[in-house]
Structures are given as C-alpha cells and as structure tokens.
Amino acid sequence: PKKLATHIGNISRLVLVKNISNVIQVIDPLTGQTGAIEGDAYWRDPFRPVVTAARTRLTRYVILGKEPVFLERNVSKRGVNRKQRSKLALVSAARESDLGSNDVTVEECSQLGYLMKSGDVALGYDMKDVQLVDDDAEDVRRAGKFPDVVFVRKLYGGVATGEANAAKKRMFQLQRLPIQKTDEEKEKGRGKKGLKKAADMEILDEEDFMQELEADREMRARVNVYKSEIAVSKETKQEGGDDDDKDDDQKITLDELLDNLVLDMKLDHVEPDAAMQLVGDTTIEEGMVFVGEGERAAKDKIGYVGREEAINIQSRETAIPVAGNVWGKDFLDEDL
C-alpha cells in the first residue's frame, strides 16, 4: 500500500520480502533500499502479496552480462550509501528456456547485480507473464510501471548447471531430528498415492530451503551448517577458489562449515605410559596417592555420607530443627 510504503521511508511499492520475524524485512529489488514493517503497521492496513514464491512462478535466467549502476538518490530521495551503490548493476539476461530458440533478452537493475557474472543462472519473476493476485498491481503492470524481471536469488553448483543428483553433491549438509507424525497427519496421507505425494512435497520444500540457505549468508549465520563428504574431499585436495567469485560474499565457503559430530566414534587408543596409570575412570600420575571414598573423612573424624546413602536421602521442603542444637550457643555470653 502507498501509505505504508511512505511510512517506512518512502520505499518503492514493489519490494521483495527478505525475512519475517517480529517484523517483516523488505528490500527494493531495483535500488537495494531496505525497510522494516512493524506488526502494528501491518495489521492497521493488511495487504496480500502480489506474487507468491510458488515454484511454478519462478523462472530460470542465464546471465549474459552486467554493467555497474551508481545511484545518487533512491526512490525515497535519500542519498544512497556506498555499500548499496557497489551492489547495484544493470543485468542482461535471457530465459533459460529461450536459449537456442530465440534471441529475446531483458535488461534490468538488480540488488544482486554484484553477485552476477556471465554464465551464471538466477531465479526471478517474469513480471510480464507472471500471474498477479492483486487488481491494483495488474493495473500498474498494464501501465508499464513494472520492471521486466525481478531477480530473487542466484543459483550455485550443480543446481545451476542442471546436474543429476545436484542436491547430493553440495559441500554442506544439515542435521535433522526424527519426526513423528500425528494420527491426523497420517489420515491426510492415507494411501500409497497420498504418501508418495507428501514425500515428494517434502523433498521439494527441503530443496527450496537449501537453495535459499546456499545463497544467503545472513540466513546461514543462524543455522548450523556441517561439512559433507564433498567438502572434506575438497579440503583434502586444497583446491583454490575461483578468482571470478571474489566479490561474491554470499557464496558458501569451507570456513563457514562445521565438522560433523560422529556419535559412534570409538575411544582413542591409550598408549601405555610408565609415568601414568589408569584406575577406574581416573588417570593417576606418578607420585599421586589414590584415596578411597570416605577414608580421609574417617581419618579426620568427620561425618561422611556415601554415594549410595546420599541417593536414598529424602529431600524436605522445610527445615527441621534438631533437638538440643542452638545456633551460636558457643558464642553467647552467659553474663548478658
């Protein structure tokens, strides 16, 4: 809505939702200007997204080239900071499905321009053909005020090149907890077709999440990302990075990945040492004296409760006075 766009810094009315928490973080895809929509502001004037990120509405584009763009002022008439200026670029691209059949290309500014280089593949919304769910947005498109394409994210690795089993060839992986479905969920997926459809949807949802994680460093900062076998082999070979990607600060690197924790690892082999000996679970160095449980307390005439007896002691909610025991009796002056 125009009023809300003015309220959050006179940002463009066409924005991408970056993330949602207690506020909605949005970004202008043409200038890189960001804004935050508070919950109160949203519920005063609720709105629907003009395009949802359905898989069928995202189009694959092949990047043909780019030219840097330097904006002195953005839509809000405020000066654009140096960081935003360095990220903007006029990107030339073509739909992947059009390659070899026609020479139709598009040129549009993008906040992801600094990530792109010739030959890269990116996902975006084809704003000329995409289905809109808002009548006002449809009127704006007819008036020619919409960009031709809005780039959403860059694709990396085998997903970009269309390799088979690209998901299994990623250099990172996530740890998953076992999921137990409720009876209601099992009822919805009853039958072989229902179960297969649910399983396919889970795979697609997971792949979408992995692609977003792979292209967003800020998102990865809140997730534990572990090395896969592919990453371990790369680390062993000490392969150098691509010089063309030195400006890509969103690409996942080996430095970000955590080592996998293997719970079934065997104990390290303990070499025999003349100066060390193992007693029970305790390592005793030479010159140290091992004292049994309670022996020192008995020697010093101190009351001692063993481990087994301590387990059987019942806890009490209130203190119980002991007969004949007065605190501070030895320090009281009998003449006073």
Protein backbone atom coordinates (compact mmCIF):
# COMPACT_ATOMS: atom_id res chain seq x y z
CA PRO A 1 0.00 0.00 0.00
CA LYS A 2 1.15 3.53 -0.84
CA LYS A 3 0.58 4.85 2.68
CA LEU A 4 2.64 2.03 4.23
CA ALA A 5 5.45 2.48 1.69
CA THR A 6 5.64 6.16 2.62
CA HIS A 7 5.60 5.31 6.33
CA ILE A 8 8.69 3.05 6.15
CA GLY A 9 10.92 5.52 4.33
CA ASN A 10 9.09 6.23 1.07
CA ILE A 11 10.30 2.92 -0.32
CA SER A 12 9.10 1.58 -3.65
CA ARG A 13 5.74 -0.18 -3.55
CA LEU A 14 7.25 -3.20 -5.33
CA VAL A 15 9.52 -4.93 -2.81
CA LEU A 16 10.77 -8.43 -2.02
CA VAL A 17 10.22 -9.97 1.40
CA LYS A 18 13.65 -10.88 2.73
CA ASN A 19 12.66 -12.49 6.04
CA ILE A 20 9.83 -12.49 8.57
CA SER A 21 10.24 -12.44 12.34
CA ASN A 22 8.56 -9.98 14.70
CA VAL A 23 8.89 -7.55 11.77
CA ILE A 24 8.77 -8.03 8.00
CA GLN A 25 12.10 -7.15 6.38
CA VAL A 26 11.69 -5.97 2.77
CA ILE A 27 14.11 -4.83 0.07
CA ASP A 28 13.64 -2.85 -3.13
CA PRO A 29 14.95 -5.18 -5.90
CA LEU A 30 15.84 -2.23 -8.16
CA THR A 31 17.72 0.05 -5.74
CA GLY A 32 18.64 -2.13 -2.74
CA GLN A 33 16.80 0.13 -0.30
CA THR A 34 15.60 -1.81 2.75
CA GLY A 35 12.73 -1.30 5.17
CA ALA A 36 11.01 -2.95 8.12
CA ILE A 37 7.25 -3.31 8.53
CA GLU A 38 6.22 -3.46 12.19
CA GLY A 39 3.36 -5.70 13.28
CA ASP A 40 1.16 -2.76 14.28
CA ALA A 41 1.68 -1.05 10.93
CA TYR A 42 0.82 -4.25 9.06
CA TRP A 43 -2.36 -5.01 10.95
CA ARG A 44 -3.61 -1.43 10.58
CA ASP A 45 -3.58 -1.92 6.81
CA PRO A 46 -3.19 -5.63 5.92
CA PHE A 47 -2.19 -6.47 2.35
CA ARG A 48 -1.70 -9.52 0.17
CA PRO A 49 1.49 -10.32 -1.75
CA VAL A 50 1.08 -9.64 -5.44
CA VAL A 51 3.22 -12.68 -6.29
CA THR A 52 3.88 -15.71 -4.13
CA ALA A 53 7.09 -17.72 -4.36
CA ALA A 54 5.39 -20.72 -5.90
CA ARG A 55 7.88 -22.91 -7.74
CA THR A 56 5.92 -22.63 -10.97
CA ARG A 57 6.18 -18.81 -10.90
CA LEU A 58 9.95 -18.61 -10.59
CA THR A 59 11.81 -18.58 -13.91
CA ARG A 60 15.42 -19.58 -14.53
CA TYR A 61 17.52 -16.90 -16.23
CA VAL A 62 21.00 -17.16 -17.72
CA ILE A 63 23.12 -14.07 -17.11
CA LEU A 64 24.68 -12.64 -20.27
CA GLY A 65 26.46 -9.63 -18.78
CA LYS A 66 26.19 -6.68 -16.43
CA GLU A 67 27.09 -3.04 -16.10
CA PRO A 68 27.56 -1.27 -12.74
CA VAL A 69 24.91 1.29 -11.79
CA PHE A 70 25.61 4.22 -9.46
CA LEU A 71 22.52 5.85 -7.97
CA GLU A 72 22.94 9.21 -6.29
CA ARG A 73 19.45 9.03 -4.82
CA ASN A 74 16.89 6.25 -4.44
CA VAL A 75 13.10 6.40 -4.54
CA SER A 76 12.93 7.90 -1.06
CA LYS A 77 15.03 10.86 -2.30
CA ARG A 78 17.70 9.96 0.24
CA GLY A 79 21.34 9.60 -0.67
CA VAL A 80 22.36 6.02 -1.45
CA ASN A 81 25.19 4.77 0.73
CA ARG A 82 28.42 3.43 -0.74
CA LYS A 83 27.58 -0.18 0.10
CA GLN A 84 24.29 -0.07 -1.82
CA ARG A 85 25.88 1.70 -4.81
CA SER A 86 28.51 -1.02 -5.14
CA LYS A 87 25.88 -3.78 -5.23
CA LEU A 88 23.64 -2.41 -7.97
CA ALA A 89 24.11 -3.45 -11.58
CA LEU A 90 22.20 -3.42 -14.84
CA VAL A 91 21.91 -7.13 -15.61
CA SER A 92 21.39 -8.53 -19.09
CA ALA A 93 19.77 -11.97 -19.07
CA ALA A 94 17.71 -14.42 -21.09
CA ARG A 95 15.28 -17.07 -20.04
CA GLU A 96 16.96 -20.46 -19.98
CA SER A 97 14.07 -21.99 -21.92
CA ASP A 98 14.54 -19.42 -24.73
CA LEU A 99 18.20 -20.24 -25.39
CA GLY A 100 18.56 -21.76 -28.84
CA SER A 101 15.01 -20.88 -29.89
CA ASN A 102 15.01 -17.07 -29.92
CA ASP A 103 17.20 -14.11 -29.03
CA VAL A 104 14.87 -12.39 -26.57
CA THR A 105 16.82 -10.75 -23.74
CA VAL A 106 15.93 -8.49 -20.84
CA GLU A 107 17.88 -5.78 -19.06
CA GLU A 108 17.01 -4.73 -15.53
CA CYS A 109 18.65 -3.27 -12.45
CA SER A 110 19.09 -5.66 -9.54
CA GLN A 111 20.34 -5.52 -5.97
CA LEU A 112 22.01 -8.88 -6.71
CA GLY A 113 23.96 -7.44 -9.64
CA TYR A 114 27.31 -7.55 -7.86
CA LEU A 115 26.94 -11.33 -7.45
CA MET A 116 26.31 -12.00 -11.12
CA LYS A 117 28.75 -12.76 -13.89
CA SER A 118 28.34 -14.02 -17.41
CA GLY A 119 27.15 -17.63 -17.46
CA ASP A 120 25.54 -17.62 -14.02
CA VAL A 121 21.97 -18.84 -13.50
CA ALA A 122 19.47 -16.96 -11.34
CA LEU A 123 15.83 -17.34 -10.35
CA GLY A 124 13.47 -14.46 -10.89
CA TYR A 125 9.90 -13.39 -11.55
CA ASP A 126 8.98 -12.68 -15.16
CA MET A 127 6.79 -9.67 -14.39
CA LYS A 128 5.36 -9.58 -17.93
CA ASP A 129 3.82 -13.05 -17.74
CA VAL A 130 3.57 -13.92 -14.04
CA GLN A 131 0.12 -14.28 -12.55
CA LEU A 132 -0.75 -11.48 -10.12
CA VAL A 133 -3.30 -11.82 -7.31
CA ASP A 134 -3.99 -8.11 -6.82
CA ASP A 135 -6.12 -5.95 -9.15
CA ASP A 136 -4.19 -2.75 -8.37
CA ALA A 137 -0.92 -4.50 -9.26
CA GLU A 138 -2.46 -5.65 -12.54
CA ASP A 139 -3.37 -2.05 -13.38
CA VAL A 140 0.18 -0.91 -12.63
CA ARG A 141 1.56 -3.61 -14.93
CA ARG A 142 -0.75 -2.56 -17.77
CA ALA A 143 0.53 0.99 -17.33
CA GLY A 144 4.08 -0.31 -17.94
CA LYS A 145 5.40 0.68 -14.49
CA PHE A 146 6.64 -2.78 -13.54
CA PRO A 147 10.18 -3.99 -14.36
CA ASP A 148 10.52 -6.80 -16.89
CA VAL A 149 12.13 -9.15 -14.35
CA VAL A 150 12.81 -9.21 -10.61
CA PHE A 151 15.78 -11.37 -9.68
CA VAL A 152 15.27 -13.31 -6.43
CA ARG A 153 18.45 -15.33 -5.90
CA LYS A 154 21.49 -16.75 -7.62
CA LEU A 155 21.89 -20.50 -8.03
CA TYR A 156 25.13 -22.27 -7.20
CA GLY A 157 26.87 -25.53 -8.03
CA GLY A 158 25.14 -28.40 -9.75
CA VAL A 159 21.70 -26.83 -9.26
CA ALA A 160 22.72 -24.01 -11.62
CA THR A 161 24.19 -26.32 -14.25
CA GLY A 162 21.34 -28.83 -14.03
CA GLU A 163 23.49 -31.79 -12.98
CA ALA A 164 21.86 -35.02 -11.92
CA ASN A 165 21.74 -35.55 -8.14
CA ALA A 166 22.93 -31.97 -7.63
CA ALA A 167 21.48 -31.92 -4.10
CA LYS A 168 23.74 -34.81 -3.05
CA LYS A 169 26.82 -33.04 -4.42
CA ARG A 170 26.59 -29.99 -2.17
CA MET A 171 29.55 -29.21 0.04
CA PHE A 172 27.31 -28.74 3.08
CA GLN A 173 24.58 -30.65 4.85
CA LEU A 174 22.21 -30.20 7.79
CA GLN A 175 21.46 -32.37 10.81
CA ARG A 176 17.85 -33.49 11.12
CA LEU A 177 15.81 -34.70 14.06
CA PRO A 178 13.45 -37.67 13.64
CA ILE A 179 9.87 -36.58 13.01
CA GLN A 180 6.88 -38.44 14.40
CA LYS A 181 3.65 -37.75 12.55
CA THR A 182 0.38 -37.39 14.42
CA ASP A 183 -2.67 -39.53 13.67
CA GLU A 184 -4.29 -36.56 11.91
CA GLU A 185 -1.33 -36.16 9.56
CA LYS A 186 -1.35 -39.89 8.86
CA GLU A 187 -5.06 -39.70 7.98
CA LYS A 188 -4.38 -36.93 5.44
CA GLY A 189 -1.69 -39.01 3.74
CA ARG A 190 -3.60 -42.28 3.72
CA GLY A 191 -2.98 -44.45 0.66
CA LYS A 192 0.13 -45.03 -1.44
CA LYS A 193 -0.54 -42.04 -3.69
CA GLY A 194 -1.04 -39.73 -0.71
CA LEU A 195 2.14 -40.89 0.98
CA LYS A 196 4.16 -40.54 -2.23
CA LYS A 197 2.81 -37.05 -2.87
CA ALA A 198 3.61 -35.96 0.68
CA ALA A 199 7.14 -37.37 0.41
CA ASP A 200 7.70 -35.57 -2.92
CA MET A 201 6.50 -32.28 -1.45
CA GLU A 202 8.88 -32.66 1.50
CA ILE A 203 11.79 -33.20 -0.89
CA LEU A 204 10.87 -30.11 -2.92
CA ASP A 205 10.41 -27.98 0.21
CA GLU A 206 13.77 -29.11 1.54
CA GLU A 207 15.45 -28.33 -1.79
CA ASP A 208 13.95 -24.81 -1.80
CA PHE A 209 15.22 -24.25 1.73
CA MET A 210 18.70 -25.50 0.83
CA GLN A 211 18.85 -23.17 -2.18
CA GLU A 212 17.87 -20.18 -0.03
CA LEU A 213 20.41 -21.18 2.59
CA GLU A 214 23.12 -21.56 -0.04
CA ALA A 215 22.51 -18.05 -1.39
CA ASP A 216 22.07 -16.11 1.88
CA ARG A 217 24.99 -15.65 4.29
CA GLU A 218 22.83 -13.85 6.86
CA MET A 219 20.43 -16.80 6.95
CA ARG A 220 23.30 -19.27 7.36
CA ALA A 221 24.53 -17.34 10.40
CA ARG A 222 21.50 -18.63 12.33
CA VAL A 223 21.82 -22.27 11.20
CA ASN A 224 24.43 -24.93 12.00
CA VAL A 225 25.83 -25.96 8.61
CA TYR A 226 28.08 -29.04 8.51
CA LYS A 227 30.66 -30.32 6.05
CA SER A 228 29.60 -33.03 3.66
CA GLU A 229 31.88 -35.69 2.21
CA ILE A 230 32.32 -33.46 -0.85
CA ALA A 231 33.64 -30.63 1.34
CA VAL A 232 36.03 -32.96 3.15
CA SER A 233 37.50 -34.16 -0.14
CA LYS A 234 37.90 -30.57 -1.38
CA GLU A 235 39.58 -29.61 1.86
CA THR A 236 42.00 -32.52 1.47
CA LYS A 237 42.88 -31.56 -2.09
CA GLN A 238 43.32 -27.89 -1.05
CA GLU A 239 41.59 -26.62 -4.14
CA GLY A 240 41.80 -22.87 -4.65
CA GLY A 241 38.75 -20.67 -5.08
CA ASP A 242 37.64 -19.08 -8.34
CA ASP A 243 39.03 -15.56 -8.80
CA ASP A 244 35.83 -14.55 -10.60
CA ASP A 245 33.86 -15.14 -7.42
CA LYS A 246 35.99 -12.97 -5.14
CA ASP A 247 33.21 -10.34 -4.97
CA ASP A 248 30.52 -12.91 -4.18
CA ASP A 249 30.08 -12.51 -0.41
CA GLN A 250 27.01 -14.77 -0.34
CA LYS A 251 28.66 -17.93 -1.66
CA ILE A 252 29.17 -20.58 0.98
CA THR A 253 32.80 -21.33 1.87
CA LEU A 254 34.61 -24.10 3.74
CA ASP A 255 35.40 -21.70 6.58
CA GLU A 256 31.69 -21.49 7.43
CA LEU A 257 31.17 -25.24 7.72
CA LEU A 258 31.33 -27.18 10.96
CA ASP A 259 32.93 -30.59 11.30
CA ASN A 260 30.41 -33.39 11.55
CA LEU A 261 29.98 -34.93 15.01
CA VAL A 262 30.07 -38.72 14.70
CA LEU A 263 28.45 -40.23 17.79
CA ASP A 264 29.61 -43.80 17.16
CA MET A 265 33.33 -42.95 17.22
CA LYS A 266 35.48 -45.34 19.19
CA LEU A 267 37.59 -44.22 22.11
CA ASP A 268 41.09 -43.12 21.28
CA HIS A 269 43.68 -45.79 21.84
CA VAL A 270 45.62 -45.17 25.06
CA GLU A 271 49.31 -45.92 24.74
CA PRO A 272 50.94 -47.47 27.81
CA ASP A 273 52.99 -44.95 29.79
CA ALA A 274 55.34 -45.77 32.65
CA ALA A 275 54.57 -42.48 34.39
CA MET A 276 50.76 -42.86 34.10
CA GLN A 277 48.31 -45.48 35.24
CA LEU A 278 44.56 -45.77 34.84
CA VAL A 279 42.49 -46.57 37.94
CA GLY A 280 38.79 -46.95 37.16
CA ASP A 281 37.84 -43.81 35.22
CA THR A 282 40.61 -41.68 36.79
CA THR A 283 44.14 -41.19 35.49
CA ILE A 284 46.72 -41.15 38.30
CA GLU A 285 50.10 -39.60 37.68
CA GLU A 286 53.28 -40.88 39.27
CA GLY A 287 53.69 -39.57 42.85
CA MET A 288 49.95 -39.16 43.45
CA VAL A 289 48.23 -41.21 46.14
CA PHE A 290 44.80 -42.67 45.44
CA VAL A 291 42.49 -42.32 48.47
CA GLY A 292 39.35 -44.40 48.70
CA GLU A 293 35.93 -42.88 49.19
CA GLY A 294 35.38 -41.76 52.79
CA GLU A 295 38.85 -42.71 54.07
CA ARG A 296 40.02 -39.12 54.51
CA ALA A 297 36.79 -38.12 56.28
CA ALA A 298 37.10 -41.05 58.71
CA LYS A 299 40.72 -40.15 59.41
CA ASP A 300 39.75 -36.55 60.25
CA LYS A 301 36.75 -37.76 62.32
CA ILE A 302 34.25 -36.05 60.06
CA GLY A 303 30.81 -37.44 59.39
CA TYR A 304 30.56 -38.75 55.85
CA VAL A 305 27.64 -39.89 53.70
CA GLY A 306 28.49 -42.23 50.83
CA ARG A 307 27.11 -42.02 47.31
CA GLU A 308 24.59 -44.82 47.74
CA GLU A 309 23.32 -43.37 51.03
CA ALA A 310 23.09 -39.87 49.55
CA ILE A 311 20.78 -41.16 46.82
CA ASN A 312 18.36 -42.51 49.41
CA ILE A 313 18.24 -39.27 51.45
CA GLN A 314 14.78 -37.77 51.16
CA SER A 315 14.62 -34.05 50.45
CA ARG A 316 12.40 -31.96 52.69
CA GLU A 317 10.60 -28.76 51.81
CA THR A 318 11.11 -27.13 55.23
CA ALA A 319 13.97 -27.15 57.70
CA ILE A 320 13.61 -29.49 60.69
CA PRO A 321 15.13 -28.29 63.96
CA VAL A 322 17.49 -30.70 65.71
CA ALA A 323 16.83 -31.19 69.42
CA GLY A 324 19.50 -29.66 71.66
CA ASN A 325 21.15 -27.77 68.82
CA VAL A 326 21.14 -23.98 69.22
CA TRP A 327 22.94 -21.97 66.61
CA GLY A 328 25.66 -19.72 68.06
CA LYS A 329 25.41 -21.19 71.56
CA ASP A 330 29.18 -21.37 71.94
CA PHE A 331 29.47 -17.65 71.19
CA LEU A 332 26.79 -16.35 73.58
CA ASP A 333 27.93 -14.51 76.69
CA GLU A 334 26.22 -16.07 79.68
CA ASP A 335 26.55 -12.86 81.71
CA LEU A 336 24.42 -10.85 79.28
